[in-house]
Amino acid sequence: MDNSPLLRSLEVTVETRQDLDSILDAAVAQLMPAAMAESSGIQIARSGVGQYTASVRHDIPSGTTVESWDR
């Protein structure tokens, strides 16, 4: 059994618009084990040009991914 901690947050950089969806989908996939274990959702927030933070959030319902681009 793997006892390593589950990934709860990560920063991603996107170089082109064409790569945006696939990179953010990959980030969500990496966070999914922690989100499922904690019955939580995932938030993706734009933190700058081409910079995004994906994180597991207890205030987001399980099975939900929320995006915020207002920065």
PDB file of N, CA and C in Angstrom:
ATOM      1  N   MET A   1       0.838  -1.188   0.000  1.00  0.00           N
ATOM      2  CA  MET A   1       0.000   0.000   0.000  1.00  0.00           C
ATOM      3  C   MET A   1       0.883   1.251   0.000  1.00  0.00           C
ATOM      4  N   ASP A   2       0.540   2.229  -0.795  1.00  0.00           N
ATOM      5  CA  ASP A   2       1.287   3.467  -0.905  1.00  0.00           C
ATOM      6  C   ASP A   2       0.816   4.437   0.176  1.00  0.00           C
ATOM      7  N   ASN A   3       1.741   4.825   1.056  1.00  0.00           N
ATOM      8  CA  ASN A   3       1.396   5.740   2.151  1.00  0.00           C
ATOM      9  C   ASN A   3       1.829   7.170   1.886  1.00  0.00           C
ATOM     10  N   SER A   4       2.201   7.483   0.662  1.00  0.00           N
ATOM     11  CA  SER A   4       2.625   8.849   0.360  1.00  0.00           C
ATOM     12  C   SER A   4       1.423   9.799   0.445  1.00  0.00           C
ATOM     13  N   PRO A   5       1.675  11.052   0.838  1.00  0.00           N
ATOM     14  CA  PRO A   5       0.558  12.004   0.961  1.00  0.00           C
ATOM     15  C   PRO A   5      -0.080  12.304  -0.391  1.00  0.00           C
ATOM     16  N   LEU A   6      -1.366  12.554  -0.350  1.00  0.00           N
ATOM     17  CA  LEU A   6      -2.091  12.885  -1.573  1.00  0.00           C
ATOM     18  C   LEU A   6      -1.838  14.335  -1.961  1.00  0.00           C
ATOM     19  N   LEU A   7      -1.699  14.571  -3.242  1.00  0.00           N
ATOM     20  CA  LEU A   7      -1.483  15.918  -3.767  1.00  0.00           C
ATOM     21  C   LEU A   7      -2.760  16.732  -3.606  1.00  0.00           C
ATOM     22  N   ARG A   8      -2.677  17.906  -2.950  1.00  0.00           N
ATOM     23  CA  ARG A   8      -3.855  18.737  -2.684  1.00  0.00           C
ATOM     24  C   ARG A   8      -3.860  20.036  -3.461  1.00  0.00           C
ATOM     25  N   SER A   9      -2.712  20.435  -4.014  1.00  0.00           N
ATOM     26  CA  SER A   9      -2.640  21.699  -4.735  1.00  0.00           C
ATOM     27  C   SER A   9      -1.446  21.658  -5.675  1.00  0.00           C
ATOM     28  N   LEU A  10      -1.574  22.344  -6.795  1.00  0.00           N
ATOM     29  CA  LEU A  10      -0.439  22.462  -7.697  1.00  0.00           C
ATOM     30  C   LEU A  10      -0.572  23.685  -8.566  1.00  0.00           C
ATOM     31  N   GLU A  11       0.564  24.179  -8.991  1.00  0.00           N
ATOM     32  CA  GLU A  11       0.648  25.335  -9.881  1.00  0.00           C
ATOM     33  C   GLU A  11       0.957  24.817 -11.277  1.00  0.00           C
ATOM     34  N   VAL A  12       0.274  25.360 -12.282  1.00  0.00           N
ATOM     35  CA  VAL A  12       0.545  24.964 -13.662  1.00  0.00           C
ATOM     36  C   VAL A  12       0.753  26.203 -14.522  1.00  0.00           C
ATOM     37  N   THR A  13       1.571  26.031 -15.537  1.00  0.00           N
ATOM     38  CA  THR A  13       1.840  27.090 -16.494  1.00  0.00           C
ATOM     39  C   THR A  13       1.383  26.614 -17.863  1.00  0.00           C
ATOM     40  N   VAL A  14       0.671  27.479 -18.558  1.00  0.00           N
ATOM     41  CA  VAL A  14       0.163  27.164 -19.889  1.00  0.00           C
ATOM     42  C   VAL A  14       0.797  28.138 -20.880  1.00  0.00           C
ATOM     43  N   GLU A  15       1.448  27.601 -21.883  1.00  0.00           N
ATOM     44  CA  GLU A  15       2.129  28.428 -22.879  1.00  0.00           C
ATOM     45  C   GLU A  15       1.193  28.910 -23.994  1.00  0.00           C
ATOM     46  N   THR A  16       0.275  28.047 -24.425  1.00  0.00           N
ATOM     47  CA  THR A  16      -0.610  28.407 -25.541  1.00  0.00           C
ATOM     48  C   THR A  16      -2.053  28.069 -25.202  1.00  0.00           C
ATOM     49  N   ARG A  17      -2.979  28.780 -25.823  1.00  0.00           N
ATOM     50  CA  ARG A  17      -4.412  28.523 -25.621  1.00  0.00           C
ATOM     51  C   ARG A  17      -4.780  27.100 -26.026  1.00  0.00           C
ATOM     52  N   GLN A  18      -4.113  26.589 -27.048  1.00  0.00           N
ATOM     53  CA  GLN A  18      -4.398  25.236 -27.514  1.00  0.00           C
ATOM     54  C   GLN A  18      -4.087  24.181 -26.439  1.00  0.00           C
ATOM     55  N   ASP A  19      -3.156  24.489 -25.534  1.00  0.00           N
ATOM     56  CA  ASP A  19      -2.764  23.546 -24.487  1.00  0.00           C
ATOM     57  C   ASP A  19      -3.580  23.700 -23.204  1.00  0.00           C
ATOM     58  N   LEU A  20      -4.350  24.762 -23.083  1.00  0.00           N
ATOM     59  CA  LEU A  20      -5.027  25.083 -21.832  1.00  0.00           C
ATOM     60  C   LEU A  20      -5.883  23.940 -21.305  1.00  0.00           C
ATOM     61  N   ASP A  21      -6.811  23.449 -22.096  1.00  0.00           N
ATOM     62  CA  ASP A  21      -7.735  22.415 -21.618  1.00  0.00           C
ATOM     63  C   ASP A  21      -7.012  21.140 -21.212  1.00  0.00           C
ATOM     64  N   SER A  22      -6.068  20.685 -22.023  1.00  0.00           N
ATOM     65  CA  SER A  22      -5.391  19.421 -21.701  1.00  0.00           C
ATOM     66  C   SER A  22      -4.533  19.550 -20.449  1.00  0.00           C
ATOM     67  N   ILE A  23      -3.886  20.688 -20.257  1.00  0.00           N
ATOM     68  CA  ILE A  23      -3.049  20.878 -19.068  1.00  0.00           C
ATOM     69  C   ILE A  23      -3.911  20.974 -17.810  1.00  0.00           C
ATOM     70  N   LEU A  24      -5.012  21.716 -17.881  1.00  0.00           N
ATOM     71  CA  LEU A  24      -5.885  21.822 -16.712  1.00  0.00           C
ATOM     72  C   LEU A  24      -6.585  20.495 -16.421  1.00  0.00           C
ATOM     73  N   ASP A  25      -6.954  19.749 -17.453  1.00  0.00           N
ATOM     74  CA  ASP A  25      -7.537  18.416 -17.247  1.00  0.00           C
ATOM     75  C   ASP A  25      -6.538  17.494 -16.540  1.00  0.00           C
ATOM     76  N   ALA A  26      -5.271  17.569 -16.928  1.00  0.00           N
ATOM     77  CA  ALA A  26      -4.240  16.749 -16.284  1.00  0.00           C
ATOM     78  C   ALA A  26      -4.067  17.142 -14.819  1.00  0.00           C
ATOM     79  N   ALA A  27      -4.143  18.439 -14.522  1.00  0.00           N
ATOM     80  CA  ALA A  27      -4.036  18.902 -13.140  1.00  0.00           C
ATOM     81  C   ALA A  27      -5.189  18.362 -12.300  1.00  0.00           C
ATOM     82  N   VAL A  28      -6.387  18.429 -12.842  1.00  0.00           N
ATOM     83  CA  VAL A  28      -7.561  17.901 -12.127  1.00  0.00           C
ATOM     84  C   VAL A  28      -7.397  16.403 -11.886  1.00  0.00           C
ATOM     85  N   ALA A  29      -6.915  15.676 -12.874  1.00  0.00           N
ATOM     86  CA  ALA A  29      -6.717  14.234 -12.721  1.00  0.00           C
ATOM     87  C   ALA A  29      -5.721  13.918 -11.603  1.00  0.00           C
ATOM     88  N   GLN A  30      -4.686  14.736 -11.460  1.00  0.00           N
ATOM     89  CA  GLN A  30      -3.704  14.516 -10.395  1.00  0.00           C
ATOM     90  C   GLN A  30      -4.279  14.787  -9.013  1.00  0.00           C
ATOM     91  N   LEU A  31      -5.227  15.724  -8.925  1.00  0.00           N
ATOM     92  CA  LEU A  31      -5.833  16.073  -7.639  1.00  0.00           C
ATOM     93  C   LEU A  31      -7.021  15.193  -7.276  1.00  0.00           C
ATOM     94  N   MET A  32      -7.536  14.465  -8.240  1.00  0.00           N
ATOM     95  CA  MET A  32      -8.742  13.667  -8.027  1.00  0.00           C
ATOM     96  C   MET A  32      -8.643  12.683  -6.854  1.00  0.00           C
ATOM     97  N   PRO A  33      -7.536  11.969  -6.660  1.00  0.00           N
ATOM     98  CA  PRO A  33      -7.487  11.046  -5.513  1.00  0.00           C
ATOM     99  C   PRO A  33      -7.706  11.747  -4.170  1.00  0.00           C
ATOM    100  N   ALA A  34      -7.089  12.914  -3.973  1.00  0.00           N
ATOM    101  CA  ALA A  34      -7.284  13.648  -2.714  1.00  0.00           C
ATOM    102  C   ALA A  34      -8.708  14.166  -2.597  1.00  0.00           C
ATOM    103  N   ALA A  35      -9.246  14.680  -3.696  1.00  0.00           N
ATOM    104  CA  ALA A  35     -10.617  15.200  -3.669  1.00  0.00           C
ATOM    105  C   ALA A  35     -11.602  14.089  -3.317  1.00  0.00           C
ATOM    106  N   MET A  36     -11.416  12.923  -3.901  1.00  0.00           N
ATOM    107  CA  MET A  36     -12.320  11.807  -3.610  1.00  0.00           C
ATOM    108  C   MET A  36     -12.150  11.336  -2.162  1.00  0.00           C
ATOM    109  N   ALA A  37     -10.914  11.239  -1.683  1.00  0.00           N
ATOM    110  CA  ALA A  37     -10.658  10.781  -0.318  1.00  0.00           C
ATOM    111  C   ALA A  37     -11.236  11.739   0.713  1.00  0.00           C
ATOM    112  N   GLU A  38     -11.266  13.028   0.375  1.00  0.00           N
ATOM    113  CA  GLU A  38     -11.740  14.047   1.315  1.00  0.00           C
ATOM    114  C   GLU A  38     -13.171  14.513   1.029  1.00  0.00           C
ATOM    115  N   SER A  39     -13.848  13.862   0.089  1.00  0.00           N
ATOM    116  CA  SER A  39     -15.202  14.255  -0.308  1.00  0.00           C
ATOM    117  C   SER A  39     -15.273  15.746  -0.592  1.00  0.00           C
ATOM    118  N   SER A  40     -14.341  16.209  -1.398  1.00  0.00           N
ATOM    119  CA  SER A  40     -14.224  17.630  -1.705  1.00  0.00           C
ATOM    120  C   SER A  40     -14.217  17.855  -3.207  1.00  0.00           C
ATOM    121  N   GLY A  41     -14.348  19.116  -3.598  1.00  0.00           N
ATOM    122  CA  GLY A  41     -14.267  19.486  -4.998  1.00  0.00           C
ATOM    123  C   GLY A  41     -12.909  20.085  -5.315  1.00  0.00           C
ATOM    124  N   ILE A  42     -12.768  20.549  -6.557  1.00  0.00           N
ATOM    125  CA  ILE A  42     -11.511  21.122  -7.020  1.00  0.00           C
ATOM    126  C   ILE A  42     -11.778  22.508  -7.589  1.00  0.00           C
ATOM    127  N   GLN A  43     -10.903  23.448  -7.240  1.00  0.00           N
ATOM    128  CA  GLN A  43     -10.981  24.794  -7.800  1.00  0.00           C
ATOM    129  C   GLN A  43      -9.752  25.026  -8.670  1.00  0.00           C
ATOM    130  N   ILE A  44      -9.986  25.617  -9.842  1.00  0.00           N
ATOM    131  CA  ILE A  44      -8.903  26.064 -10.703  1.00  0.00           C
ATOM    132  C   ILE A  44      -9.025  27.575 -10.789  1.00  0.00           C
ATOM    133  N   ALA A  45      -7.971  28.276 -10.365  1.00  0.00           N
ATOM    134  CA  ALA A  45      -7.989  29.735 -10.358  1.00  0.00           C
ATOM    135  C   ALA A  45      -6.828  30.262 -11.190  1.00  0.00           C
ATOM    136  N   ARG A  46      -7.121  31.227 -12.029  1.00  0.00           N
ATOM    137  CA  ARG A  46      -6.064  31.886 -12.788  1.00  0.00           C
ATOM    138  C   ARG A  46      -5.329  32.825 -11.844  1.00  0.00           C
ATOM    139  N   SER A  47      -4.021  32.672 -11.748  1.00  0.00           N
ATOM    140  CA  SER A  47      -3.238  33.504 -10.842  1.00  0.00           C
ATOM    141  C   SER A  47      -2.364  34.507 -11.587  1.00  0.00           C
ATOM    142  N   GLY A  48      -2.410  34.478 -12.903  1.00  0.00           N
ATOM    143  CA  GLY A  48      -1.645  35.398 -13.735  1.00  0.00           C
ATOM    144  C   GLY A  48      -1.720  34.935 -15.172  1.00  0.00           C
ATOM    145  N   VAL A  49      -1.058  35.648 -16.050  1.00  0.00           N
ATOM    146  CA  VAL A  49      -1.077  35.272 -17.470  1.00  0.00           C
ATOM    147  C   VAL A  49      -0.407  33.909 -17.627  1.00  0.00           C
ATOM    148  N   GLY A  50      -1.187  32.936 -18.057  1.00  0.00           N
ATOM    149  CA  GLY A  50      -0.671  31.584 -18.256  1.00  0.00           C
ATOM    150  C   GLY A  50      -0.391  30.819 -16.983  1.00  0.00           C
ATOM    151  N   GLN A  51      -0.771  31.354 -15.837  1.00  0.00           N
ATOM    152  CA  GLN A  51      -0.512  30.727 -14.532  1.00  0.00           C
ATOM    153  C   GLN A  51      -1.827  30.356 -13.863  1.00  0.00           C
ATOM    154  N   TYR A  52      -1.918  29.119 -13.415  1.00  0.00           N
ATOM    155  CA  TYR A  52      -3.134  28.627 -12.771  1.00  0.00           C
ATOM    156  C   TYR A  52      -2.774  27.835 -11.520  1.00  0.00           C
ATOM    157  N   THR A  53      -3.663  27.902 -10.535  1.00  0.00           N
ATOM    158  CA  THR A  53      -3.531  27.106  -9.324  1.00  0.00           C
ATOM    159  C   THR A  53      -4.735  26.178  -9.268  1.00  0.00           C
ATOM    160  N   ALA A  54      -4.469  24.905  -9.116  1.00  0.00           N
ATOM    161  CA  ALA A  54      -5.535  23.916  -8.954  1.00  0.00           C
ATOM    162  C   ALA A  54      -5.422  23.384  -7.531  1.00  0.00           C
ATOM    163  N   SER A  55      -6.550  23.347  -6.819  1.00  0.00           N
ATOM    164  CA  SER A  55      -6.495  22.911  -5.428  1.00  0.00           C
ATOM    165  C   SER A  55      -7.780  22.205  -5.005  1.00  0.00           C
ATOM    166  N   VAL A  56      -7.606  21.292  -4.056  1.00  0.00           N
ATOM    167  CA  VAL A  56      -8.735  20.590  -3.451  1.00  0.00           C
ATOM    168  C   VAL A  56      -9.344  21.536  -2.425  1.00  0.00           C
ATOM    169  N   ARG A  57     -10.667  21.695  -2.477  1.00  0.00           N
ATOM    170  CA  ARG A  57     -11.350  22.642  -1.579  1.00  0.00           C
ATOM    171  C   ARG A  57     -12.532  21.953  -0.903  1.00  0.00           C
ATOM    172  N   HIS A  58     -12.570  22.039   0.431  1.00  0.00           N
ATOM    173  CA  HIS A  58     -13.662  21.445   1.199  1.00  0.00           C
ATOM    174  C   HIS A  58     -14.976  22.189   1.017  1.00  0.00           C
ATOM    175  N   ASP A  59     -14.912  23.463   0.608  1.00  0.00           N
ATOM    176  CA  ASP A  59     -16.134  24.251   0.448  1.00  0.00           C
ATOM    177  C   ASP A  59     -16.765  24.073  -0.941  1.00  0.00           C
ATOM    178  N   ILE A  60     -16.198  23.203  -1.756  1.00  0.00           N
ATOM    179  CA  ILE A  60     -16.754  22.878  -3.073  1.00  0.00           C
ATOM    180  C   ILE A  60     -17.268  21.445  -3.002  1.00  0.00           C
ATOM    181  N   PRO A  61     -18.494  21.202  -3.449  1.00  0.00           N
ATOM    182  CA  PRO A  61     -19.069  19.855  -3.342  1.00  0.00           C
ATOM    183  C   PRO A  61     -18.241  18.803  -4.080  1.00  0.00           C
ATOM    184  N   SER A  62     -18.223  17.629  -3.518  1.00  0.00           N
ATOM    185  CA  SER A  62     -17.525  16.496  -4.123  1.00  0.00           C
ATOM    186  C   SER A  62     -18.023  16.261  -5.547  1.00  0.00           C
ATOM    187  N   GLY A  63     -17.108  15.986  -6.450  1.00  0.00           N
ATOM    188  CA  GLY A  63     -17.467  15.739  -7.835  1.00  0.00           C
ATOM    189  C   GLY A  63     -17.595  16.998  -8.672  1.00  0.00           C
ATOM    190  N   THR A  64     -17.308  18.164  -8.068  1.00  0.00           N
ATOM    191  CA  THR A  64     -17.449  19.440  -8.758  1.00  0.00           C
ATOM    192  C   THR A  64     -16.084  20.077  -8.983  1.00  0.00           C
ATOM    193  N   THR A  65     -15.901  20.655 -10.158  1.00  0.00           N
ATOM    194  CA  THR A  65     -14.715  21.463 -10.444  1.00  0.00           C
ATOM    195  C   THR A  65     -15.190  22.871 -10.771  1.00  0.00           C
ATOM    196  N   VAL A  66     -14.622  23.849 -10.068  1.00  0.00           N
ATOM    197  CA  VAL A  66     -14.993  25.250 -10.236  1.00  0.00           C
ATOM    198  C   VAL A  66     -13.799  25.993 -10.833  1.00  0.00           C
ATOM    199  N   GLU A  67     -14.073  26.827 -11.834  1.00  0.00           N
ATOM    200  CA  GLU A  67     -13.034  27.623 -12.451  1.00  0.00           C
ATOM    201  C   GLU A  67     -13.278  29.095 -12.139  1.00  0.00           C
ATOM    202  N   SER A  68     -12.197  29.819 -11.839  1.00  0.00           N
ATOM    203  CA  SER A  68     -12.329  31.264 -11.645  1.00  0.00           C
ATOM    204  C   SER A  68     -11.199  31.942 -12.397  1.00  0.00           C
ATOM    205  N   TRP A  69     -11.589  32.841 -13.283  1.00  0.00           N
ATOM    206  CA  TRP A  69     -10.625  33.527 -14.156  1.00  0.00           C
ATOM    207  C   TRP A  69     -10.585  35.017 -13.865  1.00  0.00           C
ATOM    208  N   ASP A  70     -11.020  35.449 -12.709  1.00  0.00           N
ATOM    209  CA  ASP A  70     -11.199  36.878 -12.471  1.00  0.00           C
ATOM    210  C   ASP A  70      -9.939  37.617 -12.028  1.00  0.00           C
ATOM    211  N   ARG A  71      -8.796  37.030 -12.029  1.00  0.00           N
ATOM    212  CA  ARG A  71      -7.577  37.741 -11.636  1.00  0.00           C
ATOM    213  C   ARG A  71      -6.841  38.246 -12.824  1.00  0.00           C
TER     214      ARG A  71
END
